[in-house]
Amino acid sequence: MKRPYIICHMMTSVDGRIDCAMTEHLPGVAEYYDTLDALDAPTRVSGRVTAQLEMAWPGTFRSETVTPLGREAFSKAVDAGGYEVVTDTRGTLLWENGAGERPLLILICEQVSREYLAYLDERKISWIACGKERIDLPRACGILTGEFGVGRMAVVGGGHVNAGFLAARLLDEVSVLVGAGIDGRGGQPAVFDGLPEDRPVTRLRLSGVKQYGSGAVWLRYRVER
């Protein structure tokens, strides 16, 4: 099955940390969205934690009944040139509606409740449910291309969703805007986070470098297969 061309794009401190509250103070943060737009990837993917902080409403979805979907399915609420994709494995995030420059599209596993899917449908939010206990990312990417017409996609964090795409061998490029600053705090998330300690290094090939007057440096790498 065909899938999108996928680029992981992040802004980091010099020590590779990506905490949003920190990166927004780094010299060079103004270039983040310019570099993201330059990738020509109108569909963007965020993890649940990032979405909870930056996009979703406060709180968690609750229902008096919980009826698992138990099968692969999808719902296309709207056609769009690009989507704001959010991974939310069991379906917990709250949303106003799916409208916007890039309409919402939620990735969930087959254990999601039918009640949550009805909640999304009421708000005209597209969704894809695939994978028995966790999201089957390769299959979801195939559906994104085959059913939603997604050709290029940027994965924009956090560290665990980035690592999930990396582990599934779905990344074609890694794009990092390194801001001119150091975080240094222990326990802060990195660009890729949460993979097993015995996992081998993923080799990259440098494909582009650009320096900004702020001191930020934009690095682009191709992922070696």
C-alpha atoms as a PDB file:
ATOM      1  CA  MET A   1       0.000   0.000   0.000  1.00  0.00           C
ATOM      2  CA  LYS A   2       1.237   3.474  -0.857  1.00  0.00           C
ATOM      3  CA  ARG A   3       1.988   5.877   1.989  1.00  0.00           C
ATOM      4  CA  PRO A   4       2.914   9.569   2.304  1.00  0.00           C
ATOM      5  CA  TYR A   5       6.432  10.926   2.101  1.00  0.00           C
ATOM      6  CA  ILE A   6       7.087  11.611   5.799  1.00  0.00           C
ATOM      7  CA  ILE A   7       9.400  14.180   7.383  1.00  0.00           C
ATOM      8  CA  CYS A   8       9.950  14.580  11.117  1.00  0.00           C
ATOM      9  CA  HIS A   9      10.381  18.319  11.760  1.00  0.00           C
ATOM     10  CA  MET A  10      11.286  19.705  15.188  1.00  0.00           C
ATOM     11  CA  MET A  11      12.895  22.679  16.883  1.00  0.00           C
ATOM     12  CA  THR A  12      15.410  21.831  19.579  1.00  0.00           C
ATOM     13  CA  SER A  13      17.919  23.390  21.901  1.00  0.00           C
ATOM     14  CA  VAL A  14      21.580  22.626  21.200  1.00  0.00           C
ATOM     15  CA  ASP A  15      21.294  19.672  23.613  1.00  0.00           C
ATOM     16  CA  GLY A  16      18.382  18.180  21.660  1.00  0.00           C
ATOM     17  CA  ARG A  17      15.520  19.030  24.049  1.00  0.00           C
ATOM     18  CA  ILE A  18      12.065  19.886  22.702  1.00  0.00           C
ATOM     19  CA  ASP A  19       9.996  21.094  25.677  1.00  0.00           C
ATOM     20  CA  CYS A  20       7.600  23.611  24.096  1.00  0.00           C
ATOM     21  CA  ALA A  21       7.743  26.072  26.990  1.00  0.00           C
ATOM     22  CA  MET A  22      11.517  26.141  26.568  1.00  0.00           C
ATOM     23  CA  THR A  23      11.821  26.206  22.762  1.00  0.00           C
ATOM     24  CA  GLU A  24       9.528  29.226  22.455  1.00  0.00           C
ATOM     25  CA  HIS A  25      12.270  31.262  24.156  1.00  0.00           C
ATOM     26  CA  LEU A  26      15.133  30.043  21.962  1.00  0.00           C
ATOM     27  CA  PRO A  27      16.781  32.469  19.535  1.00  0.00           C
ATOM     28  CA  GLY A  28      15.526  31.303  16.143  1.00  0.00           C
ATOM     29  CA  VAL A  29      12.030  30.223  17.168  1.00  0.00           C
ATOM     30  CA  ALA A  30      10.605  32.690  14.629  1.00  0.00           C
ATOM     31  CA  GLU A  31      12.060  30.501  11.861  1.00  0.00           C
ATOM     32  CA  TYR A  32      10.288  27.326  13.010  1.00  0.00           C
ATOM     33  CA  TYR A  33       7.079  27.743  10.998  1.00  0.00           C
ATOM     34  CA  ASP A  34       8.950  29.171   8.015  1.00  0.00           C
ATOM     35  CA  THR A  35      11.091  26.044   7.850  1.00  0.00           C
ATOM     36  CA  LEU A  36       8.039  23.819   8.380  1.00  0.00           C
ATOM     37  CA  ASP A  37       6.187  25.525   5.528  1.00  0.00           C
ATOM     38  CA  ALA A  38       9.261  25.150   3.308  1.00  0.00           C
ATOM     39  CA  LEU A  39       8.945  21.353   3.598  1.00  0.00           C
ATOM     40  CA  ASP A  40       5.721  21.493   1.543  1.00  0.00           C
ATOM     41  CA  ALA A  41       3.992  18.996   3.846  1.00  0.00           C
ATOM     42  CA  PRO A  42       0.444  20.345   4.388  1.00  0.00           C
ATOM     43  CA  THR A  43      -0.570  17.451   6.650  1.00  0.00           C
ATOM     44  CA  ARG A  44       0.991  17.574  10.148  1.00  0.00           C
ATOM     45  CA  VAL A  45       1.000  14.891  12.861  1.00  0.00           C
ATOM     46  CA  SER A  46       1.142  15.527  16.616  1.00  0.00           C
ATOM     47  CA  GLY A  47       1.039  13.141  19.563  1.00  0.00           C
ATOM     48  CA  ARG A  48      -1.621  13.137  22.277  1.00  0.00           C
ATOM     49  CA  VAL A  49       0.490  14.991  24.865  1.00  0.00           C
ATOM     50  CA  THR A  50       1.418  17.778  22.448  1.00  0.00           C
ATOM     51  CA  ALA A  51      -2.187  18.062  21.273  1.00  0.00           C
ATOM     52  CA  GLN A  52      -3.437  18.222  24.860  1.00  0.00           C
ATOM     53  CA  LEU A  53      -1.101  21.127  25.547  1.00  0.00           C
ATOM     54  CA  GLU A  54      -1.571  23.070  22.333  1.00  0.00           C
ATOM     55  CA  MET A  55      -4.839  22.174  20.576  1.00  0.00           C
ATOM     56  CA  ALA A  56      -7.431  20.191  22.540  1.00  0.00           C
ATOM     57  CA  TRP A  57      -9.869  21.421  25.162  1.00  0.00           C
ATOM     58  CA  PRO A  58      -9.065  20.756  28.846  1.00  0.00           C
ATOM     59  CA  GLY A  59     -10.406  17.517  30.294  1.00  0.00           C
ATOM     60  CA  THR A  60     -10.951  13.923  29.187  1.00  0.00           C
ATOM     61  CA  PHE A  61     -13.802  12.286  27.302  1.00  0.00           C
ATOM     62  CA  ARG A  62     -16.220  10.403  29.570  1.00  0.00           C
ATOM     63  CA  SER A  63     -19.196   8.184  28.725  1.00  0.00           C
ATOM     64  CA  GLU A  64     -21.640   6.185  30.842  1.00  0.00           C
ATOM     65  CA  THR A  65     -21.253   3.267  28.433  1.00  0.00           C
ATOM     66  CA  VAL A  66     -18.079   2.047  26.739  1.00  0.00           C
ATOM     67  CA  THR A  67     -18.533  -0.135  23.648  1.00  0.00           C
ATOM     68  CA  PRO A  68     -15.241  -0.950  21.893  1.00  0.00           C
ATOM     69  CA  LEU A  69     -15.295  -0.578  18.120  1.00  0.00           C
ATOM     70  CA  GLY A  70     -13.340  -3.817  17.670  1.00  0.00           C
ATOM     71  CA  ARG A  71     -12.525  -3.463  13.975  1.00  0.00           C
ATOM     72  CA  GLU A  72     -10.693  -1.304  11.465  1.00  0.00           C
ATOM     73  CA  ALA A  73     -12.699   1.640  10.163  1.00  0.00           C
ATOM     74  CA  PHE A  74     -12.404   5.268   9.132  1.00  0.00           C
ATOM     75  CA  SER A  75     -14.641   8.298   8.679  1.00  0.00           C
ATOM     76  CA  LYS A  76     -13.883  11.122   6.275  1.00  0.00           C
ATOM     77  CA  ALA A  77     -15.760  14.190   7.474  1.00  0.00           C
ATOM     78  CA  VAL A  78     -14.300  16.590   4.933  1.00  0.00           C
ATOM     79  CA  ASP A  79     -11.985  16.714   1.914  1.00  0.00           C
ATOM     80  CA  ALA A  80      -8.929  18.909   2.442  1.00  0.00           C
ATOM     81  CA  GLY A  81      -5.533  19.650   0.966  1.00  0.00           C
ATOM     82  CA  GLY A  82      -3.960  18.898   4.356  1.00  0.00           C
ATOM     83  CA  TYR A  83      -5.017  17.659   7.782  1.00  0.00           C
ATOM     84  CA  GLU A  84      -4.070  18.257  11.427  1.00  0.00           C
ATOM     85  CA  VAL A  85      -3.526  14.638  12.450  1.00  0.00           C
ATOM     86  CA  VAL A  86      -3.453  13.701  16.144  1.00  0.00           C
ATOM     87  CA  THR A  87      -2.588  10.275  17.570  1.00  0.00           C
ATOM     88  CA  ASP A  88      -4.910   9.490  20.493  1.00  0.00           C
ATOM     89  CA  THR A  89      -4.772   5.715  20.936  1.00  0.00           C
ATOM     90  CA  ARG A  90      -7.891   5.104  23.060  1.00  0.00           C
ATOM     91  CA  GLY A  91      -9.795   8.305  22.299  1.00  0.00           C
ATOM     92  CA  THR A  92      -9.575  10.688  25.251  1.00  0.00           C
ATOM     93  CA  LEU A  93      -9.101  14.233  23.929  1.00  0.00           C
ATOM     94  CA  LEU A  94     -11.867  16.824  23.798  1.00  0.00           C
ATOM     95  CA  TRP A  95     -12.392  19.060  20.768  1.00  0.00           C
ATOM     96  CA  GLU A  96     -14.540  22.022  19.775  1.00  0.00           C
ATOM     97  CA  ASN A  97     -14.951  20.922  16.153  1.00  0.00           C
ATOM     98  CA  GLY A  98     -12.904  19.740  13.211  1.00  0.00           C
ATOM     99  CA  ALA A  99     -12.931  22.963  11.220  1.00  0.00           C
ATOM    100  CA  GLY A 100      -9.852  25.014  10.439  1.00  0.00           C
ATOM    101  CA  GLU A 101      -7.206  25.650   7.822  1.00  0.00           C
ATOM    102  CA  ARG A 102      -6.220  22.012   8.288  1.00  0.00           C
ATOM    103  CA  PRO A 103      -9.227  19.997   9.509  1.00  0.00           C
ATOM    104  CA  LEU A 104      -8.684  17.581  12.387  1.00  0.00           C
ATOM    105  CA  LEU A 105      -8.104  13.878  11.757  1.00  0.00           C
ATOM    106  CA  ILE A 106      -7.706  11.582  14.774  1.00  0.00           C
ATOM    107  CA  LEU A 107      -5.712   8.311  14.698  1.00  0.00           C
ATOM    108  CA  ILE A 108      -6.958   5.731  17.205  1.00  0.00           C
ATOM    109  CA  CYS A 109      -6.751   1.976  17.759  1.00  0.00           C
ATOM    110  CA  GLU A 110      -9.617  -0.498  17.371  1.00  0.00           C
ATOM    111  CA  GLN A 111     -10.270  -0.479  21.137  1.00  0.00           C
ATOM    112  CA  VAL A 112     -11.662   3.048  20.884  1.00  0.00           C
ATOM    113  CA  SER A 113     -15.245   3.314  22.089  1.00  0.00           C
ATOM    114  CA  ARG A 114     -18.110   3.749  19.654  1.00  0.00           C
ATOM    115  CA  GLU A 115     -19.265   6.520  21.958  1.00  0.00           C
ATOM    116  CA  TYR A 116     -16.073   8.482  21.329  1.00  0.00           C
ATOM    117  CA  LEU A 117     -16.402   7.997  17.576  1.00  0.00           C
ATOM    118  CA  ALA A 118     -19.959   9.345  17.749  1.00  0.00           C
ATOM    119  CA  TYR A 119     -18.550  12.333  19.645  1.00  0.00           C
ATOM    120  CA  LEU A 120     -16.065  12.953  16.814  1.00  0.00           C
ATOM    121  CA  ASP A 121     -18.731  12.486  14.141  1.00  0.00           C
ATOM    122  CA  GLU A 122     -20.969  15.077  15.829  1.00  0.00           C
ATOM    123  CA  ARG A 123     -18.130  17.581  15.533  1.00  0.00           C
ATOM    124  CA  LYS A 124     -17.357  16.663  11.909  1.00  0.00           C
ATOM    125  CA  ILE A 125     -13.909  15.365  12.852  1.00  0.00           C
ATOM    126  CA  SER A 126     -12.372  12.706  10.596  1.00  0.00           C
ATOM    127  CA  TRP A 127     -10.839   9.596  12.151  1.00  0.00           C
ATOM    128  CA  ILE A 128      -8.980   6.389  11.355  1.00  0.00           C
ATOM    129  CA  ALA A 129      -9.148   3.373  13.695  1.00  0.00           C
ATOM    130  CA  CYS A 130      -6.607   0.634  12.998  1.00  0.00           C
ATOM    131  CA  GLY A 131      -4.485  -1.681  15.131  1.00  0.00           C
ATOM    132  CA  LYS A 132      -5.813  -4.037  17.807  1.00  0.00           C
ATOM    133  CA  GLU A 133      -4.273  -2.549  20.975  1.00  0.00           C
ATOM    134  CA  ARG A 134      -2.254   0.361  19.610  1.00  0.00           C
ATOM    135  CA  ILE A 135      -2.322   2.391  16.430  1.00  0.00           C
ATOM    136  CA  ASP A 136      -0.975   0.489  13.424  1.00  0.00           C
ATOM    137  CA  LEU A 137       1.025   3.381  11.990  1.00  0.00           C
ATOM    138  CA  PRO A 138       1.971   1.760   8.646  1.00  0.00           C
ATOM    139  CA  ARG A 139      -1.658   0.844   8.001  1.00  0.00           C
ATOM    140  CA  ALA A 140      -2.849   4.309   9.098  1.00  0.00           C
ATOM    141  CA  CYS A 141      -0.378   5.923   6.695  1.00  0.00           C
ATOM    142  CA  GLY A 142      -1.698   3.739   3.875  1.00  0.00           C
ATOM    143  CA  ILE A 143      -5.250   4.866   4.616  1.00  0.00           C
ATOM    144  CA  LEU A 144      -4.115   8.502   4.780  1.00  0.00           C
ATOM    145  CA  THR A 145      -2.795   8.235   1.235  1.00  0.00           C
ATOM    146  CA  GLY A 146      -5.407   5.923  -0.253  1.00  0.00           C
ATOM    147  CA  GLU A 147      -8.545   7.452   1.278  1.00  0.00           C
ATOM    148  CA  PHE A 148      -7.565  11.006   2.268  1.00  0.00           C
ATOM    149  CA  GLY A 149      -5.138  11.828  -0.541  1.00  0.00           C
ATOM    150  CA  VAL A 150      -2.191  12.693   1.726  1.00  0.00           C
ATOM    151  CA  GLY A 151       1.025  12.803  -0.304  1.00  0.00           C
ATOM    152  CA  ARG A 152       3.475  14.562   2.055  1.00  0.00           C
ATOM    153  CA  MET A 153       3.267  14.711   5.827  1.00  0.00           C
ATOM    154  CA  ALA A 154       5.304  16.278   8.643  1.00  0.00           C
ATOM    155  CA  VAL A 155       5.508  14.602  12.050  1.00  0.00           C
ATOM    156  CA  VAL A 156       5.942  17.449  14.546  1.00  0.00           C
ATOM    157  CA  GLY A 157       6.114  15.745  17.954  1.00  0.00           C
ATOM    158  CA  GLY A 158       6.383  14.946  20.714  1.00  0.00           C
ATOM    159  CA  GLY A 159       9.270  12.598  21.238  1.00  0.00           C
ATOM    160  CA  HIS A 160       7.223   9.410  21.609  1.00  0.00           C
ATOM    161  CA  VAL A 161       5.154   9.837  18.450  1.00  0.00           C
ATOM    162  CA  ASN A 162       8.342  10.777  16.557  1.00  0.00           C
ATOM    163  CA  ALA A 163       9.954   7.602  17.883  1.00  0.00           C
ATOM    164  CA  GLY A 164       6.911   5.548  16.886  1.00  0.00           C
ATOM    165  CA  PHE A 165       7.229   6.631  13.261  1.00  0.00           C
ATOM    166  CA  LEU A 166      10.991   6.026  13.398  1.00  0.00           C
ATOM    167  CA  ALA A 167      10.582   2.520  14.855  1.00  0.00           C
ATOM    168  CA  ALA A 168       8.008   1.669  12.183  1.00  0.00           C
ATOM    169  CA  ARG A 169      10.534   2.704   9.490  1.00  0.00           C
ATOM    170  CA  LEU A 170       8.141   5.324   8.142  1.00  0.00           C
ATOM    171  CA  LEU A 171      10.411   8.379   8.190  1.00  0.00           C
ATOM    172  CA  ASP A 172      12.010   9.517   4.952  1.00  0.00           C
ATOM    173  CA  GLU A 173      13.629  12.682   6.349  1.00  0.00           C
ATOM    174  CA  VAL A 174      14.540  14.280   9.667  1.00  0.00           C
ATOM    175  CA  SER A 175      14.474  18.086   9.734  1.00  0.00           C
ATOM    176  CA  VAL A 176      15.802  19.857  12.834  1.00  0.00           C
ATOM    177  CA  LEU A 177      15.939  23.585  13.535  1.00  0.00           C
ATOM    178  CA  VAL A 178      18.562  23.950  16.265  1.00  0.00           C
ATOM    179  CA  GLY A 179      17.992  27.092  18.310  1.00  0.00           C
ATOM    180  CA  ALA A 180      20.920  29.014  19.801  1.00  0.00           C
ATOM    181  CA  GLY A 181      20.434  27.933  23.397  1.00  0.00           C
ATOM    182  CA  ILE A 182      20.913  25.112  25.907  1.00  0.00           C
ATOM    183  CA  ASP A 183      18.199  23.555  28.076  1.00  0.00           C
ATOM    184  CA  GLY A 184      20.272  21.350  30.406  1.00  0.00           C
ATOM    185  CA  ARG A 185      17.412  20.298  32.707  1.00  0.00           C
ATOM    186  CA  GLY A 186      17.260  16.618  33.585  1.00  0.00           C
ATOM    187  CA  GLY A 187      14.374  14.499  32.384  1.00  0.00           C
ATOM    188  CA  GLN A 188      13.234  16.761  29.543  1.00  0.00           C
ATOM    189  CA  PRO A 189      11.951  15.159  26.312  1.00  0.00           C
ATOM    190  CA  ALA A 190      14.188  14.730  23.295  1.00  0.00           C
ATOM    191  CA  VAL A 191      13.357  14.687  19.584  1.00  0.00           C
ATOM    192  CA  PHE A 192      13.076  10.885  19.687  1.00  0.00           C
ATOM    193  CA  ASP A 193      12.204   9.367  23.026  1.00  0.00           C
ATOM    194  CA  GLY A 194      11.147   6.100  24.633  1.00  0.00           C
ATOM    195  CA  LEU A 195      12.683   3.481  22.344  1.00  0.00           C
ATOM    196  CA  PRO A 196      14.351   0.345  23.804  1.00  0.00           C
ATOM    197  CA  GLU A 197      17.931   0.777  25.036  1.00  0.00           C
ATOM    198  CA  ASP A 198      19.188  -2.026  22.790  1.00  0.00           C
ATOM    199  CA  ARG A 199      17.811  -0.467  19.618  1.00  0.00           C
ATOM    200  CA  PRO A 200      20.529   0.165  17.002  1.00  0.00           C
ATOM    201  CA  VAL A 201      21.365   3.675  15.808  1.00  0.00           C
ATOM    202  CA  THR A 202      19.417   4.953  12.797  1.00  0.00           C
ATOM    203  CA  ARG A 203      21.884   6.263  10.252  1.00  0.00           C
ATOM    204  CA  LEU A 204      21.195   9.563   8.481  1.00  0.00           C
ATOM    205  CA  ARG A 205      22.670  11.328   5.448  1.00  0.00           C
ATOM    206  CA  LEU A 206      22.992  15.121   5.584  1.00  0.00           C
ATOM    207  CA  SER A 207      21.068  16.735   2.721  1.00  0.00           C
ATOM    208  CA  GLY A 208      20.909  20.415   3.671  1.00  0.00           C
ATOM    209  CA  VAL A 209      22.223  23.099   6.050  1.00  0.00           C
ATOM    210  CA  LYS A 210      21.015  26.680   6.461  1.00  0.00           C
ATOM    211  CA  GLN A 211      22.136  29.216   9.078  1.00  0.00           C
ATOM    212  CA  TYR A 212      20.029  32.157  10.278  1.00  0.00           C
ATOM    213  CA  GLY A 213      21.087  35.506  11.704  1.00  0.00           C
ATOM    214  CA  SER A 214      19.542  34.516  15.036  1.00  0.00           C
ATOM    215  CA  GLY A 215      22.156  31.784  15.380  1.00  0.00           C
ATOM    216  CA  ALA A 216      19.692  28.992  14.615  1.00  0.00           C
ATOM    217  CA  VAL A 217      20.775  26.289  12.168  1.00  0.00           C
ATOM    218  CA  TRP A 218      18.399  24.234  10.014  1.00  0.00           C
ATOM    219  CA  LEU A 219      19.632  20.699   9.357  1.00  0.00           C
ATOM    220  CA  ARG A 220      17.974  18.267   6.962  1.00  0.00           C
ATOM    221  CA  TYR A 221      18.812  14.573   6.789  1.00  0.00           C
ATOM    222  CA  ARG A 222      17.667  11.667   4.645  1.00  0.00           C
ATOM    223  CA  VAL A 223      17.012   8.466   6.566  1.00  0.00           C
ATOM    224  CA  GLU A 224      19.185   5.620   5.326  1.00  0.00           C
ATOM    225  CA  ARG A 225      17.376   2.324   4.714  1.00  0.00           C
END
